[in-house]
Amino acid sequence: MNAVPHIPVYRLGRDYESLEQNELTDFRGDQCVARVSQANAGLIRRDLKAIDRAFDTLQGQTTRAMIDVCARAGNLFMEAELPVDAVTAQGPVEYVAALSDSCGLPRALCRANMVKIQHVMAHMDDVLDGLTRRIEFDVLDRGIGELGGQPIGFCPTTHSLGVVLPSNSPGVNSLWLPAVALRIPVILKPGREDPWTPWRIIQSFLAAGCPPEAFGFYPTSHEGSDAVLAGCGRAILFGDQSTVERYASRPSVSVHGPGFSKILIGEDMADGWESFIDVLADSVALNSGRSCVNASTIVAPRHAEAIARALAERLATIQPLPLDADGAKLAGFVRREVAEWTTQQIDQALAGNGAKDISESIRGGPRMVDAGGVTYLLPTVVHCRDSGHALAKSEFLFPFASVVEIPQPEMLDWIGPTLVATAITEDSAFQTALIRCSEIDRLNLGAIPTPVVRWDQPHEGNLFEFLYRRRAIQRGGDA
């Protein structure tokens, strides 16, 4: 029998095995798949006192050299056998199996997320061009240069980026990767069910020749997470709506909460909605609906009930399959109580008037099912007759969408904060209004599924502008 691997704390260049270790179990909860060393808040605070040395080491590299490291690391992440501990290594197949077993994501979706991460690493030059608007990389290295014949300067806003990660989707690790190329040390607190992905990324960077001081990796408690957020000059935090509200007043923390992403069907396209049913289904169900870029609301000026029924019928074909099946598209819930709470919230909201679960009659059974020792929530489409209904703008961690009927002139006043909006319209006046709408972070003009992301475009804020700021520079004689 193979020994259970140990995932250590990584303290800005060195592994550390803690006396306190958590057992990471598989999705059934009956087999330990790894022991994970835990860092307490005091250790994190102590290590962050030395972050200046790590920062100086990375700032001593060129941006171009770090981009090349990212490209090599991407290939290694995708293909290489990389260490977990001193005696255990994982190839890509073993990594995918371990990730799937611990977080309930089908292996096919784990591989898809793996490709997403590798793509960002391999195309980091394009990503930085998008984030910086094509500032010459040597300008970032020197901190001074010219733009349009005028002096321009940039300086870091922080000596470290803290990232408190979730476990719902490994692809979110793509969001912090540009910080490495921008030569800012990254302090990672992994999600409980997915230490595998950030740890494999770190190992791929080390094997690619990245300075080991570039990373801290601290599996920890809520108190330890607070130490990361407080000790890093800039931080990214993933959480629910209450987390967003708690940190809204802290500009040093970028909070990635529910996306409330939406599809808006314009008046000019409403009667041809059947042509876009694939776009609607992919927007709701890709990555098992676990991403903030998945559409949770579809808005149309008419035909809302027909759209909801057609979408429910399409999503009903997504059924639980063994996690290692090539065609598996639905993720399980590692914690059954989360699935129970989620389906109870939906049912309680449906108990009143104004909304109907269209999927209920199609699936012919309960929303929550058990299969192969895994708990699933089956795809659910709700038709909201009342645009003020609680489910009209709700988001859950499985393929869920509400369909709401709202006249086009009222849509943009109604939508509220929207991470991604796909607007299916050719109406130039409506497109102009969409472009001017400050509630939308990422706008897709045309029939583009909401999860389709171009990584050379800023995503939920611009990481470069979060980590660097522009400043005025005057030379002697300029006045």
Protein backbone atom coordinates (compact mmCIF):
# COMPACT_ATOMS: atom_id res chain seq x y z
CA MET A 1 0.00 0.00 0.00
CA ASN A 2 1.39 3.42 -0.97
CA ALA A 3 2.13 5.90 1.82
CA VAL A 4 -0.23 8.86 2.12
CA PRO A 5 1.57 11.94 0.70
CA HIS A 6 2.34 14.91 2.88
CA ILE A 7 1.81 18.46 1.56
CA PRO A 8 4.04 20.82 3.55
CA VAL A 9 3.90 24.50 4.37
CA TYR A 10 6.21 26.42 2.02
CA ARG A 11 7.94 29.31 3.73
CA LEU A 12 9.32 31.60 1.01
CA GLY A 13 11.78 29.03 -0.23
CA ARG A 14 11.74 26.09 2.16
CA ASP A 15 9.42 23.22 3.00
CA TYR A 16 8.16 23.00 6.56
CA GLU A 17 6.42 20.03 8.17
CA SER A 18 4.15 21.23 10.94
CA LEU A 19 3.24 19.26 14.04
CA GLU A 20 -0.38 20.15 13.31
CA GLN A 21 -1.64 18.38 10.19
CA ASN A 22 -5.08 17.94 8.68
CA GLU A 23 -6.21 14.79 6.94
CA LEU A 24 -7.59 15.44 3.47
CA THR A 25 -10.18 12.77 2.68
CA ASP A 26 -11.75 11.72 -0.59
CA PHE A 27 -15.25 12.82 -1.60
CA ARG A 28 -16.78 9.87 0.26
CA GLY A 29 -15.02 10.94 3.44
CA ASP A 30 -13.71 7.47 4.20
CA GLN A 31 -10.14 7.52 2.83
CA CYS A 32 -7.26 9.84 3.68
CA VAL A 33 -5.63 11.01 0.43
CA ALA A 34 -3.10 13.42 1.94
CA ARG A 35 -1.81 14.90 5.16
CA VAL A 36 -1.56 18.68 4.97
CA SER A 37 0.68 20.64 7.32
CA GLN A 38 -1.03 23.62 8.93
CA ALA A 39 0.46 27.04 9.55
CA ASN A 40 -0.72 29.07 12.50
CA ALA A 41 -1.25 32.82 12.29
CA GLY A 42 1.91 33.57 14.29
CA LEU A 43 4.10 31.67 11.82
CA ILE A 44 2.54 33.53 8.89
CA ARG A 45 3.05 36.91 10.53
CA ARG A 46 6.64 36.01 11.33
CA ASP A 47 7.41 34.94 7.76
CA LEU A 48 5.84 38.07 6.29
CA LYS A 49 8.35 40.17 8.22
CA ALA A 50 10.95 38.82 5.78
CA ILE A 51 8.91 39.54 2.65
CA ASP A 52 11.13 42.47 1.65
CA ARG A 53 13.97 40.08 0.85
CA ALA A 54 11.69 38.00 -1.36
CA PHE A 55 10.44 41.17 -3.05
CA ASP A 56 13.99 42.40 -3.73
CA THR A 57 14.90 39.02 -5.23
CA LEU A 58 11.98 39.10 -7.66
CA GLN A 59 12.43 42.75 -8.54
CA GLY A 60 16.01 41.83 -9.47
CA GLN A 61 14.62 39.70 -12.32
CA THR A 62 13.43 41.14 -15.63
CA THR A 63 9.80 40.88 -16.65
CA ARG A 64 10.82 39.12 -19.86
CA ALA A 65 12.83 36.53 -17.89
CA MET A 66 9.82 35.87 -15.64
CA ILE A 67 7.53 35.52 -18.66
CA ASP A 68 9.89 32.86 -20.00
CA VAL A 69 9.79 31.12 -16.61
CA CYS A 70 5.97 31.17 -16.77
CA ALA A 71 6.01 29.50 -20.20
CA ARG A 72 8.36 26.74 -19.04
CA ALA A 73 6.35 26.28 -15.86
CA GLY A 74 3.14 25.94 -17.88
CA ASN A 75 4.55 23.03 -19.86
CA LEU A 76 5.79 21.36 -16.68
CA PHE A 77 2.44 21.90 -14.94
CA MET A 78 0.67 20.20 -17.83
CA GLU A 79 3.07 17.35 -18.54
CA ALA A 80 5.71 16.72 -15.86
CA GLU A 81 5.98 14.50 -12.84
CA LEU A 82 6.37 16.97 -9.98
CA PRO A 83 7.07 16.43 -6.29
CA VAL A 84 4.38 16.45 -3.64
CA ASP A 85 6.82 15.70 -0.84
CA ALA A 86 10.33 14.28 -0.53
CA VAL A 87 9.24 10.78 -1.57
CA THR A 88 6.02 11.28 -3.58
CA ALA A 89 5.60 12.74 -7.05
CA GLN A 90 2.55 13.28 -9.26
CA GLY A 91 2.27 13.18 -13.00
CA PRO A 92 -0.69 14.93 -14.62
CA VAL A 93 -2.87 11.81 -14.46
CA GLU A 94 -2.20 11.34 -10.73
CA TYR A 95 -2.78 15.05 -10.08
CA VAL A 96 -6.16 14.99 -11.84
CA ALA A 97 -7.22 11.85 -9.95
CA ALA A 98 -6.20 13.32 -6.58
CA LEU A 99 -7.94 16.62 -7.30
CA SER A 100 -11.14 14.91 -8.45
CA ASP A 101 -11.18 12.59 -5.43
CA SER A 102 -10.83 15.43 -2.92
CA CYS A 103 -13.09 18.12 -4.43
CA GLY A 104 -15.75 16.12 -6.29
CA LEU A 105 -15.05 17.64 -9.70
CA PRO A 106 -15.18 15.12 -12.57
CA ARG A 107 -11.77 14.31 -13.99
CA ALA A 108 -12.75 15.66 -17.39
CA LEU A 109 -13.48 19.05 -15.80
CA CYS A 110 -10.25 18.89 -13.78
CA ARG A 111 -8.35 18.43 -17.05
CA ALA A 112 -10.25 21.36 -18.62
CA ASN A 113 -9.25 23.59 -15.72
CA MET A 114 -5.69 22.36 -16.06
CA VAL A 115 -5.66 23.47 -19.70
CA LYS A 116 -6.98 26.89 -18.66
CA ILE A 117 -4.17 27.37 -16.14
CA GLN A 118 -1.52 26.20 -18.59
CA HIS A 119 -2.85 28.55 -21.26
CA VAL A 120 -2.40 31.58 -19.01
CA MET A 121 1.14 30.52 -18.09
CA ALA A 122 2.11 29.82 -21.71
CA HIS A 123 0.68 33.11 -23.00
CA MET A 124 1.77 35.38 -20.17
CA ASP A 125 3.23 37.95 -22.58
CA ASP A 126 -0.22 38.41 -24.17
CA VAL A 127 -1.85 38.52 -20.73
CA LEU A 128 0.51 41.28 -19.56
CA ASP A 129 0.04 43.19 -22.81
CA GLY A 130 -3.69 43.21 -22.10
CA LEU A 131 -3.32 44.20 -18.44
CA THR A 132 -0.73 46.95 -19.05
CA ARG A 133 -2.11 48.16 -22.40
CA ARG A 134 1.16 47.17 -24.08
CA ILE A 135 3.60 49.08 -21.90
CA GLU A 136 7.12 48.01 -22.82
CA PHE A 137 8.32 45.41 -20.35
CA ASP A 138 11.65 47.17 -19.80
CA VAL A 139 9.67 50.20 -18.58
CA LEU A 140 8.27 47.99 -15.81
CA ASP A 141 11.79 46.76 -15.01
CA ARG A 142 13.26 50.26 -14.72
CA GLY A 143 10.12 51.88 -13.32
CA ILE A 144 10.58 54.76 -15.76
CA GLY A 145 10.27 55.25 -19.49
CA GLU A 146 8.39 57.18 -22.12
CA LEU A 147 4.89 56.99 -23.53
CA GLY A 148 4.07 59.20 -26.49
CA GLY A 149 7.30 61.10 -25.95
CA GLN A 150 6.43 61.96 -22.34
CA PRO A 151 8.04 60.55 -19.16
CA ILE A 152 6.06 57.80 -17.50
CA GLY A 153 6.71 55.96 -14.25
CA PHE A 154 5.36 53.00 -12.32
CA CYS A 155 6.01 51.72 -8.83
CA PRO A 156 4.72 48.67 -6.93
CA THR A 157 1.86 49.25 -4.52
CA THR A 158 2.94 46.27 -2.40
CA HIS A 159 5.77 43.87 -1.63
CA SER A 160 3.45 40.84 -1.67
CA LEU A 161 0.10 39.60 -2.96
CA GLY A 162 -1.89 37.42 -0.57
CA VAL A 163 -4.45 35.05 -2.09
CA VAL A 164 -7.09 33.22 -0.04
CA LEU A 165 -8.27 30.52 -2.44
CA PRO A 166 -11.52 28.52 -2.65
CA SER A 167 -11.95 24.82 -3.43
CA ASN A 168 -14.83 25.02 -5.89
CA SER A 169 -12.82 25.37 -9.12
CA PRO A 170 -9.06 24.99 -9.70
CA GLY A 171 -9.22 27.41 -12.62
CA VAL A 172 -9.39 30.40 -10.25
CA ASN A 173 -5.63 29.97 -9.75
CA SER A 174 -5.25 31.56 -13.18
CA LEU A 175 -6.13 34.92 -11.66
CA TRP A 176 -3.03 35.32 -9.49
CA LEU A 177 -0.49 33.94 -11.97
CA PRO A 178 0.35 37.31 -13.62
CA ALA A 179 1.70 38.52 -10.26
CA VAL A 180 4.68 36.19 -10.68
CA ALA A 181 5.52 37.67 -14.08
CA LEU A 182 5.06 41.14 -12.56
CA ARG A 183 7.74 40.17 -10.00
CA ILE A 184 5.56 40.35 -6.88
CA PRO A 185 5.84 37.50 -4.31
CA VAL A 186 2.60 35.54 -3.86
CA ILE A 187 1.38 34.24 -0.47
CA LEU A 188 -1.19 31.49 -0.98
CA LYS A 189 -3.74 30.11 1.44
CA PRO A 190 -5.18 27.07 -0.40
CA GLY A 191 -8.77 25.89 -0.19
CA ARG A 192 -9.23 22.94 2.15
CA GLU A 193 -10.28 20.49 -0.58
CA ASP A 194 -7.80 21.73 -3.18
CA PRO A 195 -4.26 22.17 -1.94
CA TRP A 196 -3.18 20.14 -5.01
CA THR A 197 -3.49 22.84 -7.67
CA PRO A 198 -1.58 25.74 -6.07
CA TRP A 199 1.04 23.28 -4.80
CA ARG A 200 1.54 21.79 -8.27
CA ILE A 201 1.79 25.30 -9.76
CA ILE A 202 4.49 26.20 -7.24
CA GLN A 203 6.42 23.03 -8.02
CA SER A 204 6.20 23.72 -11.75
CA PHE A 205 7.61 27.22 -11.24
CA LEU A 206 10.46 25.94 -9.08
CA ALA A 207 11.32 23.30 -11.68
CA ALA A 208 11.27 26.05 -14.34
CA GLY A 209 13.91 28.07 -12.50
CA CYS A 210 11.73 30.60 -10.65
CA PRO A 211 13.37 32.10 -7.55
CA PRO A 212 12.03 30.00 -4.65
CA GLU A 213 11.35 33.13 -2.59
CA ALA A 214 8.50 33.94 -4.99
CA PHE A 215 6.00 31.84 -3.04
CA GLY A 216 4.53 31.23 0.34
CA PHE A 217 2.06 28.36 0.75
CA TYR A 218 0.16 28.33 4.03
CA PRO A 219 -2.71 25.87 4.63
CA THR A 220 -4.30 27.47 7.66
CA SER A 221 -7.37 28.41 9.68
CA HIS A 222 -9.61 31.48 9.42
CA GLU A 223 -7.22 33.25 11.81
CA GLY A 224 -4.34 32.39 9.49
CA SER A 225 -6.31 33.70 6.51
CA ASP A 226 -6.80 36.97 8.37
CA ALA A 227 -3.03 37.10 8.94
CA VAL A 228 -2.46 36.74 5.19
CA LEU A 229 -4.98 39.49 4.40
CA ALA A 230 -3.57 41.83 7.05
CA GLY A 231 0.10 41.12 6.38
CA CYS A 232 0.13 41.50 2.59
CA GLY A 233 -0.09 44.96 1.08
CA ARG A 234 -2.53 43.65 -1.52
CA ALA A 235 -4.76 40.58 -1.32
CA ILE A 236 -7.33 38.63 -3.33
CA LEU A 237 -10.10 36.91 -1.37
CA PHE A 238 -12.71 34.48 -2.68
CA GLY A 239 -15.94 34.25 -0.71
CA ASP A 240 -19.71 34.59 -0.55
CA GLN A 241 -21.76 37.77 -0.55
CA SER A 242 -21.26 38.31 3.19
CA THR A 243 -17.49 38.21 2.60
CA VAL A 244 -17.84 40.79 -0.18
CA GLU A 245 -19.77 43.10 2.13
CA ARG A 246 -17.31 42.62 5.00
CA TYR A 247 -14.30 43.68 2.94
CA ALA A 248 -15.96 46.22 0.64
CA SER A 249 -14.38 49.13 2.50
CA ARG A 250 -10.82 47.76 2.24
CA PRO A 251 -9.29 48.86 -1.08
CA SER A 252 -6.23 46.69 -0.43
CA VAL A 253 -8.41 43.55 -0.70
CA SER A 254 -9.93 42.51 -4.03
CA VAL A 255 -12.92 40.36 -3.16
CA HIS A 256 -14.12 37.82 -5.71
CA GLY A 257 -17.61 36.89 -4.63
CA PRO A 258 -20.67 35.73 -6.56
CA GLY A 259 -20.52 36.93 -10.15
CA PHE A 260 -24.27 37.26 -10.79
CA SER A 261 -23.36 36.90 -14.47
CA LYS A 262 -26.23 37.31 -16.90
CA ILE A 263 -27.43 36.90 -20.47
CA LEU A 264 -29.50 39.76 -21.85
CA ILE A 265 -31.56 39.05 -24.98
CA GLY A 266 -32.40 42.22 -26.86
CA GLU A 267 -35.77 43.13 -28.29
CA ASP A 268 -34.41 42.60 -31.80
CA MET A 269 -33.34 39.00 -31.08
CA ALA A 270 -36.08 37.84 -28.71
CA ASP A 271 -38.22 36.05 -31.28
CA GLY A 272 -35.22 34.03 -32.48
CA TRP A 273 -34.20 32.83 -29.01
CA GLU A 274 -34.16 29.16 -30.06
CA SER A 275 -31.05 29.87 -32.14
CA PHE A 276 -29.14 30.70 -28.95
CA ILE A 277 -30.15 27.80 -26.72
CA ASP A 278 -26.64 26.27 -26.91
CA VAL A 279 -25.13 29.56 -25.75
CA LEU A 280 -27.58 29.70 -22.84
CA ALA A 281 -26.89 26.09 -21.82
CA ASP A 282 -23.09 26.47 -21.98
CA SER A 283 -23.26 29.72 -20.02
CA VAL A 284 -25.14 28.01 -17.19
CA ALA A 285 -23.53 24.57 -17.13
CA LEU A 286 -19.88 24.72 -18.22
CA ASN A 287 -17.53 23.71 -15.38
CA SER A 288 -20.64 22.34 -13.65
CA GLY A 289 -21.85 25.88 -12.91
CA ARG A 290 -19.14 26.36 -10.30
CA SER A 291 -17.62 29.56 -11.67
CA CYS A 292 -18.52 33.18 -11.03
CA VAL A 293 -18.60 33.60 -14.82
CA ASN A 294 -21.44 31.08 -15.21
CA ALA A 295 -24.73 32.78 -16.04
CA SER A 296 -27.21 32.63 -13.18
CA THR A 297 -29.87 34.88 -14.73
CA ILE A 298 -31.27 35.13 -18.26
CA VAL A 299 -33.24 38.26 -19.10
CA ALA A 300 -35.56 38.51 -22.10
CA PRO A 301 -38.24 41.01 -23.09
CA ARG A 302 -40.68 38.14 -23.88
CA HIS A 303 -40.88 34.32 -24.22
CA ALA A 304 -39.31 33.88 -20.75
CA GLU A 305 -41.34 30.79 -19.85
CA ALA A 306 -40.64 29.10 -23.20
CA ILE A 307 -36.94 29.89 -22.86
CA ALA A 308 -36.90 28.46 -19.34
CA ARG A 309 -38.57 25.23 -20.46
CA ALA A 310 -36.27 24.71 -23.44
CA LEU A 311 -33.22 25.40 -21.29
CA ALA A 312 -34.45 23.05 -18.55
CA GLU A 313 -34.96 20.29 -21.11
CA ARG A 314 -31.44 20.80 -22.50
CA LEU A 315 -29.81 20.81 -19.03
CA ALA A 316 -31.79 17.73 -17.96
CA THR A 317 -29.50 15.69 -20.20
CA ILE A 318 -26.67 16.42 -17.72
CA GLN A 319 -26.81 13.52 -15.29
CA PRO A 320 -24.46 12.25 -12.55
CA LEU A 321 -21.79 9.96 -13.93
CA PRO A 322 -18.76 8.36 -12.27
CA LEU A 323 -16.16 11.07 -11.72
CA ASP A 324 -13.71 9.26 -13.96
CA ALA A 325 -16.16 9.01 -16.90
CA ASP A 326 -15.07 10.99 -19.95
CA GLY A 327 -18.53 12.46 -20.38
CA ALA A 328 -19.03 13.54 -16.75
CA LYS A 329 -20.16 17.19 -16.59
CA LEU A 330 -21.74 17.41 -13.14
CA ALA A 331 -19.66 17.93 -9.99
CA GLY A 332 -20.55 16.39 -6.66
CA PHE A 333 -20.69 18.08 -3.27
CA VAL A 334 -17.92 16.97 -0.93
CA ARG A 335 -20.00 18.14 2.01
CA ARG A 336 -23.56 16.84 1.84
CA GLU A 337 -24.77 19.51 4.25
CA VAL A 338 -23.88 22.21 1.71
CA ALA A 339 -26.04 20.50 -0.92
CA GLU A 340 -28.88 20.14 1.60
CA TRP A 341 -28.68 23.82 2.58
CA THR A 342 -28.60 24.91 -1.07
CA THR A 343 -31.64 22.94 -2.15
CA GLN A 344 -33.54 24.04 0.99
CA GLN A 345 -32.83 27.70 0.16
CA ILE A 346 -34.25 27.22 -3.33
CA ASP A 347 -37.33 25.36 -2.12
CA GLN A 348 -38.06 27.93 0.58
CA ALA A 349 -37.89 30.72 -1.98
CA LEU A 350 -40.17 28.78 -4.33
CA ALA A 351 -42.77 28.29 -1.59
CA GLY A 352 -44.09 31.79 -2.20
CA ASN A 353 -45.58 33.19 -5.38
CA GLY A 354 -43.78 34.60 -8.38
CA ALA A 355 -41.47 31.75 -9.44
CA LYS A 356 -41.67 28.13 -10.60
CA ASP A 357 -39.05 25.37 -10.84
CA ILE A 358 -39.45 24.40 -14.50
CA SER A 359 -36.93 21.55 -14.13
CA GLU A 360 -39.00 19.77 -11.49
CA SER A 361 -41.54 18.22 -13.89
CA ILE A 362 -38.80 17.33 -16.39
CA ARG A 363 -36.52 15.49 -13.97
CA GLY A 364 -39.46 13.73 -12.32
CA GLY A 365 -37.74 13.42 -8.95
CA PRO A 366 -35.84 15.31 -6.25
CA ARG A 367 -33.21 17.93 -7.04
CA MET A 368 -30.69 16.35 -4.66
CA VAL A 369 -29.61 12.81 -5.49
CA ASP A 370 -26.89 10.38 -4.38
CA ALA A 371 -24.99 8.34 -6.93
CA GLY A 372 -21.82 6.32 -6.47
CA GLY A 373 -21.33 7.64 -2.95
CA VAL A 374 -21.48 11.27 -4.13
CA THR A 375 -24.19 13.88 -3.49
CA TYR A 376 -25.34 15.90 -6.49
CA LEU A 377 -27.75 18.73 -7.21
CA LEU A 378 -29.36 18.28 -10.62
CA PRO A 379 -29.48 21.29 -12.99
CA THR A 380 -32.34 23.62 -12.12
CA VAL A 381 -34.03 26.33 -14.20
CA VAL A 382 -36.54 28.64 -12.53
CA HIS A 383 -38.99 30.91 -14.34
CA CYS A 384 -39.47 34.10 -12.30
CA ARG A 385 -42.74 35.78 -13.19
CA ASP A 386 -41.91 38.44 -10.62
CA SER A 387 -38.63 40.27 -11.35
CA GLY A 388 -38.39 41.11 -7.65
CA HIS A 389 -38.42 37.44 -6.61
CA ALA A 390 -35.53 36.29 -4.41
CA LEU A 391 -34.37 33.77 -7.03
CA ALA A 392 -34.34 36.24 -9.92
CA LYS A 393 -30.79 37.32 -9.05
CA SER A 394 -29.45 34.36 -7.06
CA GLU A 395 -26.33 32.26 -7.63
CA PHE A 396 -25.58 28.73 -6.44
CA LEU A 397 -22.69 26.27 -6.75
CA PHE A 398 -24.27 24.04 -9.42
CA PRO A 399 -26.00 24.57 -12.81
CA PHE A 400 -28.79 26.94 -11.78
CA ALA A 401 -30.44 29.77 -13.68
CA SER A 402 -33.50 31.95 -13.40
CA VAL A 403 -35.24 33.32 -16.49
CA VAL A 404 -36.88 36.72 -16.06
CA GLU A 405 -39.04 38.76 -18.45
CA ILE A 406 -38.20 42.48 -18.44
CA PRO A 407 -38.75 45.11 -21.16
CA GLN A 408 -35.46 46.09 -22.80
CA PRO A 409 -35.61 49.77 -21.63
CA GLU A 410 -35.75 48.54 -18.01
CA MET A 411 -33.05 45.83 -18.16
CA LEU A 412 -29.97 47.89 -17.28
CA ASP A 413 -31.69 49.61 -14.36
CA TRP A 414 -32.64 46.16 -13.03
CA ILE A 415 -29.58 43.93 -13.47
CA GLY A 416 -27.42 45.15 -10.57
CA PRO A 417 -23.74 44.14 -10.19
CA THR A 418 -22.84 41.76 -13.04
CA LEU A 419 -19.41 40.22 -13.50
CA VAL A 420 -20.09 39.04 -17.08
CA ALA A 421 -22.98 40.12 -19.28
CA THR A 422 -23.55 38.49 -22.64
CA ALA A 423 -25.80 40.79 -24.66
CA ILE A 424 -27.45 39.08 -27.62
CA THR A 425 -28.45 42.09 -29.69
CA GLU A 426 -27.54 44.00 -32.82
CA ASP A 427 -29.37 47.13 -31.70
CA SER A 428 -26.67 49.83 -31.78
CA ALA A 429 -28.48 52.08 -29.28
CA PHE A 430 -28.84 49.21 -26.81
CA GLN A 431 -25.18 48.25 -27.34
CA THR A 432 -24.15 51.83 -26.54
CA ALA A 433 -26.21 51.73 -23.35
CA LEU A 434 -24.57 48.42 -22.41
CA ILE A 435 -21.09 49.84 -23.00
CA ARG A 436 -21.91 52.77 -20.73
CA CYS A 437 -23.44 50.60 -17.98
CA SER A 438 -21.16 50.71 -14.93
CA GLU A 439 -22.81 47.64 -13.36
CA ILE A 440 -21.14 45.32 -15.92
CA ASP A 441 -17.50 44.30 -15.46
CA ARG A 442 -17.00 42.19 -18.60
CA LEU A 443 -19.26 42.73 -21.59
CA ASN A 444 -19.75 40.22 -24.41
CA LEU A 445 -21.49 41.77 -27.41
CA GLY A 446 -22.97 38.84 -29.30
CA ALA A 447 -23.78 35.19 -28.67
CA ILE A 448 -20.71 34.37 -26.56
CA PRO A 449 -21.11 32.00 -23.58
CA THR A 450 -20.37 33.89 -20.37
CA PRO A 451 -17.60 31.45 -19.25
CA VAL A 452 -15.58 32.11 -22.44
CA VAL A 453 -12.74 34.32 -21.18
CA ARG A 454 -10.03 36.11 -23.12
CA TRP A 455 -7.12 36.24 -20.71
CA ASP A 456 -5.59 39.28 -22.40
CA GLN A 457 -8.54 41.26 -21.04
CA PRO A 458 -8.77 42.30 -17.36
CA HIS A 459 -10.97 39.99 -15.31
CA GLU A 460 -12.82 41.35 -12.26
CA GLY A 461 -10.42 44.23 -11.88
CA ASN A 462 -7.02 44.81 -13.43
CA LEU A 463 -4.29 42.95 -11.51
CA PHE A 464 -1.55 45.19 -12.92
CA GLU A 465 -3.32 48.33 -11.68
CA PHE A 466 -3.86 46.57 -8.33
CA LEU A 467 -0.15 45.76 -7.92
CA TYR A 468 1.39 48.83 -9.58
CA ARG A 469 0.46 52.49 -9.78
CA ARG A 470 1.40 55.12 -12.28
CA ARG A 471 3.15 58.19 -10.96
CA ALA A 472 4.31 61.49 -12.38
CA ILE A 473 8.04 61.82 -13.09
CA GLN A 474 9.78 65.07 -13.97
CA ARG A 475 13.40 65.35 -14.98
CA GLY A 476 15.59 68.37 -14.42
CA GLY A 477 15.07 70.81 -17.24
CA ASP A 478 11.52 69.66 -17.99
CA ALA A 479 9.96 72.73 -16.37
